[in-house]
Amino acid sequence: MTVTITPVLAGTDTYIADVATDGTDLTMTVPHGLGAAPLEVMVSARTADVNSIAPFAATTIDTTNVVLTRHTTGAAAATVRLVARRPHSIGK
């Protein structure tokens, strides 16, 4: 059970991270630090096997975290990129 979160950009309005799992985790909690619930959340494949992303969905989006849930057990290891953006009007 290993989840690795590698921040790519931690800005005021945008948070981007590569999130990797060894395949045994059904949920991955990613703290975004935006201070408000993101208006937009996008998850895309980062591994060569694009099919490895299919089971992932953002199931909880709140002011501190985005929770990614994998709906398939025993799936292969995967790396996905998470992009979370809050409305620009909230930014400073």
PDB file of N, CA and C in Angstrom:
ATOM      1  N   MET A   1       0.835  -1.178   0.000  1.00  0.00           N
ATOM      2  CA  MET A   1       0.000   0.000   0.000  1.00  0.00           C
ATOM      3  C   MET A   1       0.876   1.236   0.000  1.00  0.00           C
ATOM      4  N   THR A   2       1.179   1.687  -1.169  1.00  0.00           N
ATOM      5  CA  THR A   2       2.049   2.838  -1.283  1.00  0.00           C
ATOM      6  C   THR A   2       1.439   3.863  -2.226  1.00  0.00           C
ATOM      7  N   VAL A   3       1.267   5.078  -1.716  1.00  0.00           N
ATOM      8  CA  VAL A   3       0.836   6.203  -2.531  1.00  0.00           C
ATOM      9  C   VAL A   3       1.914   7.260  -2.447  1.00  0.00           C
ATOM     10  N   THR A   4       2.340   7.753  -3.606  1.00  0.00           N
ATOM     11  CA  THR A   4       3.355   8.794  -3.661  1.00  0.00           C
ATOM     12  C   THR A   4       2.756  10.006  -4.360  1.00  0.00           C
ATOM     13  N   ILE A   5       2.816  11.155  -3.705  1.00  0.00           N
ATOM     14  CA  ILE A   5       2.301  12.397  -4.273  1.00  0.00           C
ATOM     15  C   ILE A   5       3.490  13.303  -4.558  1.00  0.00           C
ATOM     16  N   THR A   6       3.654  13.677  -5.820  1.00  0.00           N
ATOM     17  CA  THR A   6       4.747  14.552  -6.225  1.00  0.00           C
ATOM     18  C   THR A   6       4.160  15.852  -6.769  1.00  0.00           C
ATOM     19  N   PRO A   7       4.189  16.931  -5.981  1.00  0.00           N
ATOM     20  CA  PRO A   7       3.653  18.212  -6.471  1.00  0.00           C
ATOM     21  C   PRO A   7       4.456  18.705  -7.675  1.00  0.00           C
ATOM     22  N   VAL A   8       3.741  19.174  -8.691  1.00  0.00           N
ATOM     23  CA  VAL A   8       4.354  19.760  -9.871  1.00  0.00           C
ATOM     24  C   VAL A   8       4.217  21.276  -9.810  1.00  0.00           C
ATOM     25  N   LEU A   9       3.041  21.754  -9.360  1.00  0.00           N
ATOM     26  CA  LEU A   9       2.784  23.181  -9.204  1.00  0.00           C
ATOM     27  C   LEU A   9       1.846  23.368  -8.025  1.00  0.00           C
ATOM     28  N   ALA A  10       2.233  24.193  -7.094  1.00  0.00           N
ATOM     29  CA  ALA A  10       1.381  24.518  -5.948  1.00  0.00           C
ATOM     30  C   ALA A  10       1.172  26.025  -5.939  1.00  0.00           C
ATOM     31  N   GLY A  11       0.271  26.488  -6.800  1.00  0.00           N
ATOM     32  CA  GLY A  11       0.024  27.918  -6.923  1.00  0.00           C
ATOM     33  C   GLY A  11      -1.168  28.372  -6.103  1.00  0.00           C
ATOM     34  N   THR A  12      -1.500  29.644  -6.233  1.00  0.00           N
ATOM     35  CA  THR A  12      -2.616  30.218  -5.511  1.00  0.00           C
ATOM     36  C   THR A  12      -3.949  29.677  -6.015  1.00  0.00           C
ATOM     37  N   ASP A  13      -4.083  29.527  -7.330  1.00  0.00           N
ATOM     38  CA  ASP A  13      -5.345  29.095  -7.931  1.00  0.00           C
ATOM     39  C   ASP A  13      -5.283  27.708  -8.562  1.00  0.00           C
ATOM     40  N   THR A  14      -4.084  27.153  -8.699  1.00  0.00           N
ATOM     41  CA  THR A  14      -3.925  25.865  -9.371  1.00  0.00           C
ATOM     42  C   THR A  14      -2.979  24.969  -8.596  1.00  0.00           C
ATOM     43  N   TYR A  15      -3.357  23.691  -8.482  1.00  0.00           N
ATOM     44  CA  TYR A  15      -2.502  22.685  -7.861  1.00  0.00           C
ATOM     45  C   TYR A  15      -2.391  21.526  -8.842  1.00  0.00           C
ATOM     46  N   ILE A  16      -1.167  21.133  -9.155  1.00  0.00           N
ATOM     47  CA  ILE A  16      -0.915  20.012 -10.059  1.00  0.00           C
ATOM     48  C   ILE A  16       0.028  19.050  -9.356  1.00  0.00           C
ATOM     49  N   ALA A  17      -0.321  17.761  -9.387  1.00  0.00           N
ATOM     50  CA  ALA A  17       0.529  16.750  -8.757  1.00  0.00           C
ATOM     51  C   ALA A  17       0.448  15.449  -9.540  1.00  0.00           C
ATOM     52  N   ASP A  18       1.553  14.715  -9.532  1.00  0.00           N
ATOM     53  CA  ASP A  18       1.567  13.350 -10.046  1.00  0.00           C
ATOM     54  C   ASP A  18       1.349  12.434  -8.855  1.00  0.00           C
ATOM     55  N   VAL A  19       0.370  11.543  -8.966  1.00  0.00           N
ATOM     56  CA  VAL A  19      -0.008  10.654  -7.878  1.00  0.00           C
ATOM     57  C   VAL A  19       0.195   9.221  -8.350  1.00  0.00           C
ATOM     58  N   ALA A  20       1.026   8.483  -7.623  1.00  0.00           N
ATOM     59  CA  ALA A  20       1.353   7.109  -8.020  1.00  0.00           C
ATOM     60  C   ALA A  20       0.887   6.131  -6.952  1.00  0.00           C
ATOM     61  N   THR A  21       0.448   4.977  -7.394  1.00  0.00           N
ATOM     62  CA  THR A  21       0.059   3.906  -6.487  1.00  0.00           C
ATOM     63  C   THR A  21       0.661   2.598  -6.981  1.00  0.00           C
ATOM     64  N   ASP A  22       0.952   1.695  -6.053  1.00  0.00           N
ATOM     65  CA  ASP A  22       1.498   0.394  -6.436  1.00  0.00           C
ATOM     66  C   ASP A  22       0.410  -0.578  -6.880  1.00  0.00           C
ATOM     67  N   GLY A  23      -0.841  -0.132  -6.851  1.00  0.00           N
ATOM     68  CA  GLY A  23      -1.935  -0.965  -7.330  1.00  0.00           C
ATOM     69  C   GLY A  23      -2.793  -1.557  -6.237  1.00  0.00           C
ATOM     70  N   THR A  24      -2.365  -1.472  -4.974  1.00  0.00           N
ATOM     71  CA  THR A  24      -3.148  -2.065  -3.898  1.00  0.00           C
ATOM     72  C   THR A  24      -4.082  -1.066  -3.225  1.00  0.00           C
ATOM     73  N   ASP A  25      -3.911   0.214  -3.488  1.00  0.00           N
ATOM     74  CA  ASP A  25      -4.713   1.248  -2.835  1.00  0.00           C
ATOM     75  C   ASP A  25      -6.007   1.505  -3.593  1.00  0.00           C
ATOM     76  N   LEU A  26      -7.116   1.516  -2.881  1.00  0.00           N
ATOM     77  CA  LEU A  26      -8.400   1.834  -3.498  1.00  0.00           C
ATOM     78  C   LEU A  26      -8.707   3.321  -3.430  1.00  0.00           C
ATOM     79  N   THR A  27      -8.126   4.026  -2.446  1.00  0.00           N
ATOM     80  CA  THR A  27      -8.317   5.473  -2.356  1.00  0.00           C
ATOM     81  C   THR A  27      -6.974   6.163  -2.165  1.00  0.00           C
ATOM     82  N   MET A  28      -6.891   7.360  -2.710  1.00  0.00           N
ATOM     83  CA  MET A  28      -5.702   8.187  -2.559  1.00  0.00           C
ATOM     84  C   MET A  28      -6.172   9.592  -2.202  1.00  0.00           C
ATOM     85  N   THR A  29      -5.786  10.076  -1.026  1.00  0.00           N
ATOM     86  CA  THR A  29      -6.160  11.417  -0.583  1.00  0.00           C
ATOM     87  C   THR A  29      -5.029  12.373  -0.922  1.00  0.00           C
ATOM     88  N   VAL A  30      -5.364  13.397  -1.709  1.00  0.00           N
ATOM     89  CA  VAL A  30      -4.363  14.359  -2.170  1.00  0.00           C
ATOM     90  C   VAL A  30      -4.715  15.741  -1.614  1.00  0.00           C
ATOM     91  N   PRO A  31      -3.911  16.256  -0.659  1.00  0.00           N
ATOM     92  CA  PRO A  31      -4.161  17.615  -0.154  1.00  0.00           C
ATOM     93  C   PRO A  31      -3.735  18.649  -1.199  1.00  0.00           C
ATOM     94  N   HIS A  32      -4.634  19.586  -1.533  1.00  0.00           N
ATOM     95  CA  HIS A  32      -4.327  20.553  -2.592  1.00  0.00           C
ATOM     96  C   HIS A  32      -3.900  21.917  -2.069  1.00  0.00           C
ATOM     97  N   GLY A  33      -4.273  22.287  -0.856  1.00  0.00           N
ATOM     98  CA  GLY A  33      -3.817  23.546  -0.269  1.00  0.00           C
ATOM     99  C   GLY A  33      -4.342  24.806  -0.922  1.00  0.00           C
ATOM    100  N   LEU A  34      -5.455  24.733  -1.649  1.00  0.00           N
ATOM    101  CA  LEU A  34      -5.983  25.916  -2.325  1.00  0.00           C
ATOM    102  C   LEU A  34      -6.805  26.810  -1.403  1.00  0.00           C
ATOM    103  N   GLY A  35      -7.221  26.305  -0.263  1.00  0.00           N
ATOM    104  CA  GLY A  35      -7.992  27.105   0.674  1.00  0.00           C
ATOM    105  C   GLY A  35      -9.458  27.242   0.324  1.00  0.00           C
ATOM    106  N   ALA A  36      -9.871  26.622  -0.762  1.00  0.00           N
ATOM    107  CA  ALA A  36     -11.269  26.616  -1.192  1.00  0.00           C
ATOM    108  C   ALA A  36     -11.471  25.365  -2.042  1.00  0.00           C
ATOM    109  N   ALA A  37     -12.697  24.929  -2.144  1.00  0.00           N
ATOM    110  CA  ALA A  37     -12.970  23.756  -2.973  1.00  0.00           C
ATOM    111  C   ALA A  37     -12.690  24.090  -4.434  1.00  0.00           C
ATOM    112  N   PRO A  38     -11.944  23.240  -5.129  1.00  0.00           N
ATOM    113  CA  PRO A  38     -11.654  23.495  -6.538  1.00  0.00           C
ATOM    114  C   PRO A  38     -12.939  23.508  -7.376  1.00  0.00           C
ATOM    115  N   LEU A  39     -12.970  24.375  -8.352  1.00  0.00           N
ATOM    116  CA  LEU A  39     -14.084  24.439  -9.287  1.00  0.00           C
ATOM    117  C   LEU A  39     -13.914  23.372 -10.367  1.00  0.00           C
ATOM    118  N   GLU A  40     -12.660  23.066 -10.693  1.00  0.00           N
ATOM    119  CA  GLU A  40     -12.345  22.107 -11.758  1.00  0.00           C
ATOM    120  C   GLU A  40     -11.322  21.106 -11.239  1.00  0.00           C
ATOM    121  N   VAL A  41     -11.581  19.826 -11.474  1.00  0.00           N
ATOM    122  CA  VAL A  41     -10.628  18.771 -11.141  1.00  0.00           C
ATOM    123  C   VAL A  41     -10.505  17.868 -12.358  1.00  0.00           C
ATOM    124  N   MET A  42      -9.264  17.613 -12.769  1.00  0.00           N
ATOM    125  CA  MET A  42      -9.015  16.766 -13.928  1.00  0.00           C
ATOM    126  C   MET A  42      -7.999  15.691 -13.546  1.00  0.00           C
ATOM    127  N   VAL A  43      -8.252  14.463 -13.961  1.00  0.00           N
ATOM    128  CA  VAL A  43      -7.342  13.352 -13.717  1.00  0.00           C
ATOM    129  C   VAL A  43      -6.965  12.775 -15.076  1.00  0.00           C
ATOM    130  N   SER A  44      -5.661  12.652 -15.336  1.00  0.00           N
ATOM    131  CA  SER A  44      -5.212  12.106 -16.621  1.00  0.00           C
ATOM    132  C   SER A  44      -4.097  11.092 -16.393  1.00  0.00           C
ATOM    133  N   ALA A  45      -3.919  10.209 -17.347  1.00  0.00           N
ATOM    134  CA  ALA A  45      -2.927   9.143 -17.247  1.00  0.00           C
ATOM    135  C   ALA A  45      -1.509   9.680 -17.392  1.00  0.00           C
ATOM    136  N   ARG A  46      -0.586   9.134 -16.611  1.00  0.00           N
ATOM    137  CA  ARG A  46       0.831   9.474 -16.720  1.00  0.00           C
ATOM    138  C   ARG A  46       1.668   8.240 -17.033  1.00  0.00           C
ATOM    139  N   THR A  47       1.052   7.078 -17.051  1.00  0.00           N
ATOM    140  CA  THR A  47       1.778   5.842 -17.329  1.00  0.00           C
ATOM    141  C   THR A  47       1.574   5.459 -18.786  1.00  0.00           C
ATOM    142  N   ALA A  48       2.417   4.569 -19.271  1.00  0.00           N
ATOM    143  CA  ALA A  48       2.341   4.137 -20.660  1.00  0.00           C
ATOM    144  C   ALA A  48       1.020   3.429 -20.957  1.00  0.00           C
ATOM    145  N   ASP A  49       0.483   2.723 -19.973  1.00  0.00           N
ATOM    146  CA  ASP A  49      -0.773   2.007 -20.146  1.00  0.00           C
ATOM    147  C   ASP A  49      -1.920   2.945 -19.799  1.00  0.00           C
ATOM    148  N   VAL A  50      -2.499   3.586 -20.814  1.00  0.00           N
ATOM    149  CA  VAL A  50      -3.567   4.552 -20.589  1.00  0.00           C
ATOM    150  C   VAL A  50      -4.774   3.883 -19.922  1.00  0.00           C
ATOM    151  N   ASN A  51      -4.956   2.584 -20.116  1.00  0.00           N
ATOM    152  CA  ASN A  51      -6.082   1.884 -19.500  1.00  0.00           C
ATOM    153  C   ASN A  51      -5.980   1.849 -17.983  1.00  0.00           C
ATOM    154  N   SER A  52      -4.796   2.097 -17.432  1.00  0.00           N
ATOM    155  CA  SER A  52      -4.635   2.050 -15.977  1.00  0.00           C
ATOM    156  C   SER A  52      -5.380   3.182 -15.277  1.00  0.00           C
ATOM    157  N   ILE A  53      -5.750   4.239 -16.003  1.00  0.00           N
ATOM    158  CA  ILE A  53      -6.463   5.347 -15.388  1.00  0.00           C
ATOM    159  C   ILE A  53      -7.959   5.081 -15.285  1.00  0.00           C
ATOM    160  N   ALA A  54      -8.488   4.197 -16.110  1.00  0.00           N
ATOM    161  CA  ALA A  54      -9.934   4.000 -16.211  1.00  0.00           C
ATOM    162  C   ALA A  54     -10.648   3.857 -14.866  1.00  0.00           C
ATOM    163  N   PRO A  55     -10.090   3.127 -13.912  1.00  0.00           N
ATOM    164  CA  PRO A  55     -10.828   2.950 -12.664  1.00  0.00           C
ATOM    165  C   PRO A  55     -10.792   4.146 -11.712  1.00  0.00           C
ATOM    166  N   PHE A  56     -10.059   5.216 -11.992  1.00  0.00           N
ATOM    167  CA  PHE A  56      -9.928   6.334 -11.058  1.00  0.00           C
ATOM    168  C   PHE A  56     -11.020   7.381 -11.270  1.00  0.00           C
ATOM    169  N   ALA A  57     -11.561   7.869 -10.156  1.00  0.00           N
ATOM    170  CA  ALA A  57     -12.530   8.960 -10.191  1.00  0.00           C
ATOM    171  C   ALA A  57     -12.314   9.831  -8.961  1.00  0.00           C
ATOM    172  N   ALA A  58     -12.539  11.131  -9.120  1.00  0.00           N
ATOM    173  CA  ALA A  58     -12.481  12.035  -7.969  1.00  0.00           C
ATOM    174  C   ALA A  58     -13.817  11.901  -7.244  1.00  0.00           C
ATOM    175  N   THR A  59     -13.801  11.264  -6.073  1.00  0.00           N
ATOM    176  CA  THR A  59     -15.044  10.974  -5.358  1.00  0.00           C
ATOM    177  C   THR A  59     -15.352  11.975  -4.256  1.00  0.00           C
ATOM    178  N   THR A  60     -14.350  12.682  -3.770  1.00  0.00           N
ATOM    179  CA  THR A  60     -14.559  13.723  -2.774  1.00  0.00           C
ATOM    180  C   THR A  60     -13.693  14.917  -3.150  1.00  0.00           C
ATOM    181  N   ILE A  61     -14.312  16.075  -3.210  1.00  0.00           N
ATOM    182  CA  ILE A  61     -13.585  17.312  -3.506  1.00  0.00           C
ATOM    183  C   ILE A  61     -14.033  18.323  -2.453  1.00  0.00           C
ATOM    184  N   ASP A  62     -13.093  18.751  -1.605  1.00  0.00           N
ATOM    185  CA  ASP A  62     -13.458  19.719  -0.577  1.00  0.00           C
ATOM    186  C   ASP A  62     -12.394  20.800  -0.453  1.00  0.00           C
ATOM    187  N   THR A  63     -12.470  21.588   0.600  1.00  0.00           N
ATOM    188  CA  THR A  63     -11.571  22.740   0.738  1.00  0.00           C
ATOM    189  C   THR A  63     -10.125  22.361   1.013  1.00  0.00           C
ATOM    190  N   THR A  64      -9.858  21.116   1.386  1.00  0.00           N
ATOM    191  CA  THR A  64      -8.482  20.715   1.682  1.00  0.00           C
ATOM    192  C   THR A  64      -7.970  19.552   0.846  1.00  0.00           C
ATOM    193  N   ASN A  65      -8.842  18.663   0.396  1.00  0.00           N
ATOM    194  CA  ASN A  65      -8.395  17.443  -0.289  1.00  0.00           C
ATOM    195  C   ASN A  65      -9.217  17.109  -1.520  1.00  0.00           C
ATOM    196  N   VAL A  66      -8.575  16.348  -2.390  1.00  0.00           N
ATOM    197  CA  VAL A  66      -9.274  15.642  -3.462  1.00  0.00           C
ATOM    198  C   VAL A  66      -9.001  14.169  -3.201  1.00  0.00           C
ATOM    199  N   VAL A  67     -10.053  13.376  -3.111  1.00  0.00           N
ATOM    200  CA  VAL A  67      -9.895  11.941  -2.895  1.00  0.00           C
ATOM    201  C   VAL A  67     -10.162  11.227  -4.211  1.00  0.00           C
ATOM    202  N   LEU A  68      -9.153  10.488  -4.667  1.00  0.00           N
ATOM    203  CA  LEU A  68      -9.294   9.672  -5.869  1.00  0.00           C
ATOM    204  C   LEU A  68      -9.619   8.252  -5.431  1.00  0.00           C
ATOM    205  N   THR A  69     -10.614   7.654  -6.062  1.00  0.00           N
ATOM    206  CA  THR A  69     -11.011   6.296  -5.726  1.00  0.00           C
ATOM    207  C   THR A  69     -10.884   5.418  -6.952  1.00  0.00           C
ATOM    208  N   ARG A  70     -10.308   4.261  -6.732  1.00  0.00           N
ATOM    209  CA  ARG A  70     -10.172   3.257  -7.792  1.00  0.00           C
ATOM    210  C   ARG A  70     -11.270   2.235  -7.564  1.00  0.00           C
ATOM    211  N   HIS A  71     -12.069   2.016  -8.571  1.00  0.00           N
ATOM    212  CA  HIS A  71     -13.215   1.119  -8.434  1.00  0.00           C
ATOM    213  C   HIS A  71     -12.904  -0.310  -8.847  1.00  0.00           C
ATOM    214  N   THR A  72     -11.646  -0.597  -9.130  1.00  0.00           N
ATOM    215  CA  THR A  72     -11.236  -1.938  -9.515  1.00  0.00           C
ATOM    216  C   THR A  72     -10.170  -2.418  -8.556  1.00  0.00           C
ATOM    217  N   THR A  73     -10.384  -3.531  -7.913  1.00  0.00           N
ATOM    218  CA  THR A  73      -9.375  -4.072  -7.007  1.00  0.00           C
ATOM    219  C   THR A  73      -8.387  -4.920  -7.786  1.00  0.00           C
ATOM    220  N   GLY A  74      -7.179  -5.005  -7.286  1.00  0.00           N
ATOM    221  CA  GLY A  74      -6.156  -5.827  -7.915  1.00  0.00           C
ATOM    222  C   GLY A  74      -5.646  -5.275  -9.233  1.00  0.00           C
ATOM    223  N   ALA A  75      -5.890  -3.992  -9.479  1.00  0.00           N
ATOM    224  CA  ALA A  75      -5.429  -3.382 -10.720  1.00  0.00           C
ATOM    225  C   ALA A  75      -3.930  -3.107 -10.655  1.00  0.00           C
ATOM    226  N   ALA A  76      -3.354  -2.859 -11.799  1.00  0.00           N
ATOM    227  CA  ALA A  76      -1.914  -2.625 -11.888  1.00  0.00           C
ATOM    228  C   ALA A  76      -1.531  -1.280 -11.285  1.00  0.00           C
ATOM    229  N   ALA A  77      -0.252  -1.121 -11.038  1.00  0.00           N
ATOM    230  CA  ALA A  77       0.278   0.158 -10.564  1.00  0.00           C
ATOM    231  C   ALA A  77      -0.040   1.230 -11.601  1.00  0.00           C
ATOM    232  N   ALA A  78      -0.218   2.446 -11.120  1.00  0.00           N
ATOM    233  CA  ALA A  78      -0.562   3.529 -12.032  1.00  0.00           C
ATOM    234  C   ALA A  78      -0.049   4.845 -11.500  1.00  0.00           C
ATOM    235  N   THR A  79       0.193   5.765 -12.426  1.00  0.00           N
ATOM    236  CA  THR A  79       0.506   7.142 -12.072  1.00  0.00           C
ATOM    237  C   THR A  79      -0.469   8.027 -12.826  1.00  0.00           C
ATOM    238  N   VAL A  80      -1.137   8.906 -12.095  1.00  0.00           N
ATOM    239  CA  VAL A  80      -2.061   9.839 -12.719  1.00  0.00           C
ATOM    240  C   VAL A  80      -1.655  11.258 -12.367  1.00  0.00           C
ATOM    241  N   ARG A  81      -2.038  12.187 -13.218  1.00  0.00           N
ATOM    242  CA  ARG A  81      -1.800  13.598 -12.924  1.00  0.00           C
ATOM    243  C   ARG A  81      -3.128  14.204 -12.492  1.00  0.00           C
ATOM    244  N   LEU A  82      -3.091  14.864 -11.349  1.00  0.00           N
ATOM    245  CA  LEU A  82      -4.258  15.546 -10.821  1.00  0.00           C
ATOM    246  C   LEU A  82      -4.063  17.044 -11.012  1.00  0.00           C
ATOM    247  N   VAL A  83      -5.038  17.694 -11.611  1.00  0.00           N
ATOM    248  CA  VAL A  83      -5.034  19.150 -11.762  1.00  0.00           C
ATOM    249  C   VAL A  83      -6.286  19.672 -11.069  1.00  0.00           C
ATOM    250  N   ALA A  84      -6.113  20.538 -10.079  1.00  0.00           N
ATOM    251  CA  ALA A  84      -7.236  21.140  -9.361  1.00  0.00           C
ATOM    252  C   ALA A  84      -7.125  22.651  -9.497  1.00  0.00           C
ATOM    253  N   ARG A  85      -8.226  23.286  -9.891  1.00  0.00           N
ATOM    254  CA  ARG A  85      -8.237  24.744 -10.058  1.00  0.00           C
ATOM    255  C   ARG A  85      -9.428  25.327  -9.319  1.00  0.00           C
ATOM    256  N   ARG A  86      -9.187  26.422  -8.618  1.00  0.00           N
ATOM    257  CA  ARG A  86     -10.296  27.127  -7.983  1.00  0.00           C
ATOM    258  C   ARG A  86     -10.635  28.339  -8.840  1.00  0.00           C
ATOM    259  N   PRO A  87     -11.809  28.917  -8.637  1.00  0.00           N
ATOM    260  CA  PRO A  87     -12.176  30.100  -9.440  1.00  0.00           C
ATOM    261  C   PRO A  87     -11.152  31.215  -9.237  1.00  0.00           C
ATOM    262  N   HIS A  88     -10.759  31.870 -10.320  1.00  0.00           N
ATOM    263  CA  HIS A  88      -9.756  32.936 -10.231  1.00  0.00           C
ATOM    264  C   HIS A  88     -10.232  34.129  -9.426  1.00  0.00           C
ATOM    265  N   SER A  89     -11.540  34.325  -9.346  1.00  0.00           N
ATOM    266  CA  SER A  89     -12.052  35.480  -8.609  1.00  0.00           C
ATOM    267  C   SER A  89     -11.771  35.365  -7.111  1.00  0.00           C
ATOM    268  N   ILE A  90     -11.467  34.140  -6.632  1.00  0.00           N
ATOM    269  CA  ILE A  90     -11.155  33.956  -5.226  1.00  0.00           C
ATOM    270  C   ILE A  90      -9.695  34.312  -4.952  1.00  0.00           C
ATOM    271  N   GLY A  91      -8.845  34.165  -5.967  1.00  0.00           N
ATOM    272  CA  GLY A  91      -7.403  34.390  -5.812  1.00  0.00           C
ATOM    273  C   GLY A  91      -7.066  35.806  -5.418  1.00  0.00           C
ATOM    274  N   LYS A  92      -5.832  35.956  -4.932  1.00  0.00           N
ATOM    275  CA  LYS A  92      -5.371  37.265  -4.499  1.00  0.00           C
ATOM    276  C   LYS A  92      -4.622  37.957  -5.597  1.00  0.00           C
TER     277      LYS A  92
END
